[in-house]
Amino acid sequence: MTKIFAHAGDSAWTATPDGNRRRVLLHTDELMLVEFGFDAGGVGALHSHPHVQASYVAEGRFEVTIDGRTEILAAGGSFIVPSGLLHGVKALEAGRLVDSFTPHRADFLA
């Protein structure tokens, strides 16, 4: 049965290769919800993937670059990354992003 509810603390944080942390909150084959935590100055290096990504800034301020365009987003802001576009973030202060991916990121489940 697919898990359709998650409660705070259900998922453990996992260190990411770039020194940040993430936890997969929920996922189906079609959609995944992931929380990322950053310390001030933390960087999510420029990368691309075939998944469409929608992100919500839950806490903090981030410099977000998508396809060469950069904007500063604070808590309450959001952005979409279409499939295949080069993108990355820099945490201007400690913060959290909540990202959704379609389809799910199988590499985050390994």
N, C-alpha and C. Protein backbone atom coordinates (compact mmCIF):
# COMPACT_ATOMS: atom_id res chain seq x y z
N MET A 1 0.85 -1.19 0.00
CA MET A 1 0.00 0.00 0.00
C MET A 1 0.89 1.25 0.00
N THR A 2 0.52 2.23 -0.78
CA THR A 2 1.26 3.48 -0.87
C THR A 2 1.07 4.31 0.40
N LYS A 3 2.15 4.82 0.93
CA LYS A 3 2.08 5.70 2.10
C LYS A 3 1.56 7.05 1.61
N ILE A 4 0.48 7.53 2.21
CA ILE A 4 -0.11 8.79 1.75
C ILE A 4 -0.08 9.90 2.79
N PHE A 5 0.39 9.60 3.99
CA PHE A 5 0.55 10.61 5.03
C PHE A 5 1.96 10.51 5.61
N ALA A 6 2.50 11.64 6.01
CA ALA A 6 3.77 11.66 6.71
C ALA A 6 3.65 12.63 7.88
N HIS A 7 4.29 12.28 8.97
CA HIS A 7 4.30 13.13 10.16
C HIS A 7 5.71 13.62 10.41
N ALA A 8 5.83 14.78 11.06
CA ALA A 8 7.15 15.32 11.39
C ALA A 8 7.96 14.25 12.11
N GLY A 9 9.18 14.06 11.66
CA GLY A 9 10.07 13.11 12.29
C GLY A 9 9.96 11.69 11.76
N ASP A 10 9.04 11.42 10.84
CA ASP A 10 8.91 10.07 10.27
C ASP A 10 10.16 9.65 9.50
N SER A 11 10.78 10.58 8.81
CA SER A 11 11.92 10.26 7.94
C SER A 11 13.21 10.78 8.54
N ALA A 12 14.27 10.02 8.37
CA ALA A 12 15.59 10.42 8.87
C ALA A 12 16.32 11.27 7.84
N TRP A 13 17.13 12.20 8.32
CA TRP A 13 17.99 13.00 7.46
C TRP A 13 19.12 12.14 6.92
N THR A 14 19.50 12.37 5.68
CA THR A 14 20.61 11.71 5.03
C THR A 14 21.57 12.79 4.54
N ALA A 15 22.86 12.62 4.76
CA ALA A 15 23.85 13.58 4.25
C ALA A 15 23.90 13.48 2.73
N THR A 16 24.02 14.63 2.08
CA THR A 16 24.15 14.66 0.62
C THR A 16 25.63 14.82 0.27
N PRO A 17 26.02 14.43 -0.94
CA PRO A 17 27.43 14.53 -1.33
C PRO A 17 28.00 15.95 -1.24
N ASP A 18 27.12 16.96 -1.35
CA ASP A 18 27.60 18.35 -1.33
C ASP A 18 27.60 18.96 0.08
N GLY A 19 27.42 18.12 1.12
CA GLY A 19 27.53 18.61 2.50
C GLY A 19 26.24 19.12 3.11
N ASN A 20 25.12 18.95 2.42
CA ASN A 20 23.83 19.35 2.96
C ASN A 20 23.12 18.11 3.49
N ARG A 21 21.82 18.15 3.63
CA ARG A 21 21.08 16.98 4.10
C ARG A 21 19.69 16.97 3.45
N ARG A 22 19.15 15.75 3.33
CA ARG A 22 17.81 15.61 2.75
C ARG A 22 17.07 14.48 3.45
N ARG A 23 15.75 14.55 3.36
CA ARG A 23 14.93 13.43 3.79
C ARG A 23 13.73 13.32 2.85
N VAL A 24 13.53 12.10 2.37
CA VAL A 24 12.39 11.82 1.51
C VAL A 24 11.17 11.73 2.41
N LEU A 25 10.18 12.56 2.14
CA LEU A 25 8.98 12.60 2.96
C LEU A 25 7.96 11.57 2.50
N LEU A 26 7.64 11.61 1.21
CA LEU A 26 6.68 10.68 0.61
C LEU A 26 7.03 10.48 -0.84
N HIS A 27 6.61 9.33 -1.40
CA HIS A 27 6.79 9.15 -2.84
C HIS A 27 5.88 8.06 -3.39
N THR A 28 5.53 8.23 -4.64
CA THR A 28 4.90 7.21 -5.46
C THR A 28 5.79 7.10 -6.69
N ASP A 29 5.41 6.27 -7.65
CA ASP A 29 6.19 6.21 -8.89
C ASP A 29 6.14 7.54 -9.65
N GLU A 30 5.03 8.25 -9.51
CA GLU A 30 4.83 9.48 -10.28
C GLU A 30 5.33 10.74 -9.60
N LEU A 31 5.46 10.75 -8.27
CA LEU A 31 5.73 11.99 -7.55
C LEU A 31 6.53 11.71 -6.28
N MET A 32 7.41 12.64 -5.94
CA MET A 32 8.22 12.52 -4.72
C MET A 32 8.29 13.87 -4.03
N LEU A 33 8.22 13.86 -2.69
CA LEU A 33 8.34 15.06 -1.88
C LEU A 33 9.56 14.89 -0.97
N VAL A 34 10.51 15.86 -1.06
CA VAL A 34 11.79 15.76 -0.36
C VAL A 34 12.08 17.09 0.33
N GLU A 35 12.55 17.02 1.58
CA GLU A 35 12.98 18.21 2.31
C GLU A 35 14.50 18.26 2.32
N PHE A 36 15.06 19.41 2.00
CA PHE A 36 16.51 19.62 2.02
C PHE A 36 16.85 20.65 3.09
N GLY A 37 17.89 20.40 3.86
CA GLY A 37 18.36 21.34 4.87
C GLY A 37 19.74 21.85 4.50
N PHE A 38 19.95 23.15 4.67
CA PHE A 38 21.21 23.80 4.34
C PHE A 38 21.69 24.64 5.51
N ASP A 39 22.97 24.59 5.79
CA ASP A 39 23.59 25.54 6.70
C ASP A 39 23.86 26.81 5.90
N ALA A 40 24.08 27.93 6.57
CA ALA A 40 24.42 29.17 5.87
C ALA A 40 25.64 28.93 5.00
N GLY A 41 25.58 29.36 3.76
CA GLY A 41 26.68 29.19 2.82
C GLY A 41 26.65 27.86 2.09
N GLY A 42 25.75 26.96 2.46
CA GLY A 42 25.64 25.66 1.80
C GLY A 42 25.26 25.82 0.34
N VAL A 43 25.82 24.96 -0.49
CA VAL A 43 25.59 25.04 -1.94
C VAL A 43 25.01 23.73 -2.45
N GLY A 44 23.98 23.85 -3.25
CA GLY A 44 23.48 22.74 -4.07
C GLY A 44 24.06 23.01 -5.45
N ALA A 45 25.14 22.30 -5.80
CA ALA A 45 25.90 22.58 -7.02
C ALA A 45 25.02 22.51 -8.27
N LEU A 46 25.42 23.26 -9.29
CA LEU A 46 24.70 23.24 -10.56
C LEU A 46 24.63 21.82 -11.09
N HIS A 47 23.44 21.41 -11.50
CA HIS A 47 23.22 20.07 -12.04
C HIS A 47 21.93 20.07 -12.85
N SER A 48 21.67 18.98 -13.53
CA SER A 48 20.40 18.82 -14.23
C SER A 48 19.94 17.38 -14.08
N HIS A 49 18.66 17.15 -14.32
CA HIS A 49 18.08 15.82 -14.28
C HIS A 49 16.81 15.83 -15.12
N PRO A 50 16.35 14.65 -15.52
CA PRO A 50 15.16 14.60 -16.38
C PRO A 50 13.85 14.89 -15.66
N HIS A 51 13.88 14.94 -14.33
CA HIS A 51 12.66 15.16 -13.55
C HIS A 51 12.25 16.62 -13.59
N VAL A 52 10.96 16.90 -13.59
CA VAL A 52 10.46 18.25 -13.36
C VAL A 52 10.47 18.44 -11.85
N GLN A 53 10.94 19.62 -11.41
CA GLN A 53 11.09 19.90 -9.98
C GLN A 53 10.33 21.17 -9.64
N ALA A 54 9.57 21.15 -8.56
CA ALA A 54 8.95 22.35 -8.00
C ALA A 54 9.45 22.46 -6.57
N SER A 55 9.90 23.65 -6.18
CA SER A 55 10.51 23.85 -4.87
C SER A 55 9.87 25.01 -4.12
N TYR A 56 9.74 24.83 -2.81
CA TYR A 56 9.19 25.83 -1.91
C TYR A 56 10.23 26.15 -0.86
N VAL A 57 10.49 27.44 -0.64
CA VAL A 57 11.44 27.87 0.39
C VAL A 57 10.68 27.90 1.72
N ALA A 58 10.93 26.89 2.54
CA ALA A 58 10.23 26.77 3.82
C ALA A 58 10.85 27.66 4.89
N GLU A 59 12.15 27.92 4.75
CA GLU A 59 12.88 28.68 5.77
C GLU A 59 14.17 29.20 5.15
N GLY A 60 14.56 30.42 5.51
CA GLY A 60 15.84 30.98 5.06
C GLY A 60 15.73 31.78 3.76
N ARG A 61 16.91 32.08 3.21
CA ARG A 61 17.02 32.81 1.94
C ARG A 61 18.02 32.08 1.05
N PHE A 62 17.68 31.96 -0.23
CA PHE A 62 18.50 31.22 -1.18
C PHE A 62 18.73 32.02 -2.44
N GLU A 63 19.93 31.91 -2.97
CA GLU A 63 20.23 32.38 -4.31
C GLU A 63 19.98 31.18 -5.22
N VAL A 64 19.02 31.32 -6.12
CA VAL A 64 18.60 30.21 -6.97
C VAL A 64 18.96 30.54 -8.42
N THR A 65 19.66 29.62 -9.08
CA THR A 65 20.03 29.80 -10.48
C THR A 65 19.39 28.69 -11.30
N ILE A 66 18.66 29.09 -12.34
CA ILE A 66 18.01 28.15 -13.26
C ILE A 66 18.31 28.61 -14.68
N ASP A 67 19.00 27.76 -15.43
CA ASP A 67 19.29 28.03 -16.84
C ASP A 67 19.95 29.40 -17.03
N GLY A 68 20.89 29.75 -16.12
CA GLY A 68 21.64 30.99 -16.22
C GLY A 68 20.95 32.21 -15.61
N ARG A 69 19.74 32.08 -15.15
CA ARG A 69 19.01 33.19 -14.52
C ARG A 69 19.05 33.01 -13.01
N THR A 70 19.40 34.06 -12.26
CA THR A 70 19.55 33.97 -10.81
C THR A 70 18.61 34.96 -10.12
N GLU A 71 17.95 34.47 -9.07
CA GLU A 71 17.10 35.32 -8.23
C GLU A 71 17.32 34.92 -6.77
N ILE A 72 17.05 35.87 -5.88
CA ILE A 72 17.08 35.61 -4.43
C ILE A 72 15.64 35.33 -4.00
N LEU A 73 15.45 34.20 -3.32
CA LEU A 73 14.12 33.84 -2.82
C LEU A 73 14.20 33.63 -1.31
N ALA A 74 13.20 34.14 -0.60
CA ALA A 74 13.12 34.00 0.85
C ALA A 74 11.96 33.07 1.20
N ALA A 75 11.82 32.77 2.49
CA ALA A 75 10.75 31.90 2.97
C ALA A 75 9.42 32.32 2.35
N GLY A 76 8.70 31.35 1.82
CA GLY A 76 7.43 31.60 1.16
C GLY A 76 7.55 31.66 -0.35
N GLY A 77 8.78 31.82 -0.86
CA GLY A 77 9.01 31.85 -2.30
C GLY A 77 9.06 30.44 -2.88
N SER A 78 8.98 30.36 -4.19
CA SER A 78 9.01 29.05 -4.84
C SER A 78 9.56 29.17 -6.25
N PHE A 79 9.92 28.02 -6.83
CA PHE A 79 10.42 27.99 -8.20
C PHE A 79 10.16 26.63 -8.83
N ILE A 80 10.15 26.61 -10.16
CA ILE A 80 10.00 25.37 -10.93
C ILE A 80 11.21 25.22 -11.82
N VAL A 81 11.72 23.99 -11.91
CA VAL A 81 12.83 23.66 -12.80
C VAL A 81 12.30 22.68 -13.84
N PRO A 82 12.13 23.12 -15.09
CA PRO A 82 11.70 22.19 -16.13
C PRO A 82 12.76 21.11 -16.37
N SER A 83 12.35 20.02 -16.91
CA SER A 83 13.22 18.88 -17.18
C SER A 83 14.47 19.29 -17.95
N GLY A 84 15.62 18.82 -17.46
CA GLY A 84 16.87 18.99 -18.18
C GLY A 84 17.60 20.31 -18.01
N LEU A 85 17.03 21.29 -17.32
CA LEU A 85 17.69 22.59 -17.18
C LEU A 85 18.73 22.56 -16.06
N LEU A 86 19.86 23.22 -16.31
CA LEU A 86 20.93 23.35 -15.32
C LEU A 86 20.45 24.28 -14.21
N HIS A 87 20.59 23.83 -12.95
CA HIS A 87 20.11 24.63 -11.82
C HIS A 87 20.91 24.32 -10.56
N GLY A 88 20.86 25.24 -9.59
CA GLY A 88 21.53 25.06 -8.32
C GLY A 88 21.13 26.16 -7.37
N VAL A 89 21.52 26.01 -6.10
CA VAL A 89 21.18 27.00 -5.08
C VAL A 89 22.37 27.27 -4.17
N LYS A 90 22.33 28.43 -3.53
CA LYS A 90 23.27 28.76 -2.46
C LYS A 90 22.44 29.32 -1.31
N ALA A 91 22.65 28.77 -0.11
CA ALA A 91 21.93 29.24 1.07
C ALA A 91 22.60 30.51 1.59
N LEU A 92 21.90 31.62 1.55
CA LEU A 92 22.43 32.88 2.06
C LEU A 92 22.34 32.93 3.58
N GLU A 93 21.51 32.07 4.12
CA GLU A 93 21.41 31.85 5.56
C GLU A 93 20.90 30.42 5.74
N ALA A 94 20.96 29.88 6.93
CA ALA A 94 20.46 28.52 7.14
C ALA A 94 19.02 28.44 6.68
N GLY A 95 18.67 27.33 6.05
CA GLY A 95 17.32 27.24 5.55
C GLY A 95 16.94 25.85 5.09
N ARG A 96 15.68 25.75 4.64
CA ARG A 96 15.13 24.48 4.16
C ARG A 96 14.34 24.70 2.88
N LEU A 97 14.49 23.76 1.95
CA LEU A 97 13.68 23.71 0.74
C LEU A 97 12.83 22.45 0.78
N VAL A 98 11.60 22.55 0.31
CA VAL A 98 10.75 21.37 0.13
C VAL A 98 10.55 21.23 -1.37
N ASP A 99 11.08 20.12 -1.91
CA ASP A 99 11.07 19.89 -3.35
C ASP A 99 10.13 18.76 -3.71
N SER A 100 9.46 18.91 -4.83
CA SER A 100 8.69 17.80 -5.40
C SER A 100 9.31 17.47 -6.75
N PHE A 101 9.32 16.20 -7.08
CA PHE A 101 9.89 15.72 -8.33
C PHE A 101 8.90 14.81 -9.02
N THR A 102 8.78 14.96 -10.33
CA THR A 102 7.98 14.04 -11.11
C THR A 102 8.76 13.63 -12.35
N PRO A 103 8.92 12.34 -12.62
CA PRO A 103 8.57 11.24 -11.72
C PRO A 103 9.49 11.23 -10.50
N HIS A 104 9.33 10.25 -9.63
CA HIS A 104 10.16 10.21 -8.41
C HIS A 104 11.64 10.03 -8.74
N ARG A 105 12.50 10.42 -7.81
CA ARG A 105 13.96 10.28 -7.95
C ARG A 105 14.38 8.93 -7.36
N ALA A 106 14.51 7.94 -8.19
CA ALA A 106 14.92 6.61 -7.73
C ALA A 106 16.29 6.67 -7.04
N ASP A 107 17.16 7.61 -7.49
CA ASP A 107 18.49 7.71 -6.88
C ASP A 107 18.43 8.16 -5.42
N PHE A 108 17.34 8.79 -5.00
CA PHE A 108 17.19 9.21 -3.60
C PHE A 108 16.71 8.05 -2.72
N LEU A 109 16.27 6.97 -3.32
CA LEU A 109 15.76 5.83 -2.56
C LEU A 109 16.79 4.74 -2.36
N ALA A 110 17.92 4.86 -3.04
CA ALA A 110 18.96 3.81 -2.96
C ALA A 110 19.67 3.85 -1.63
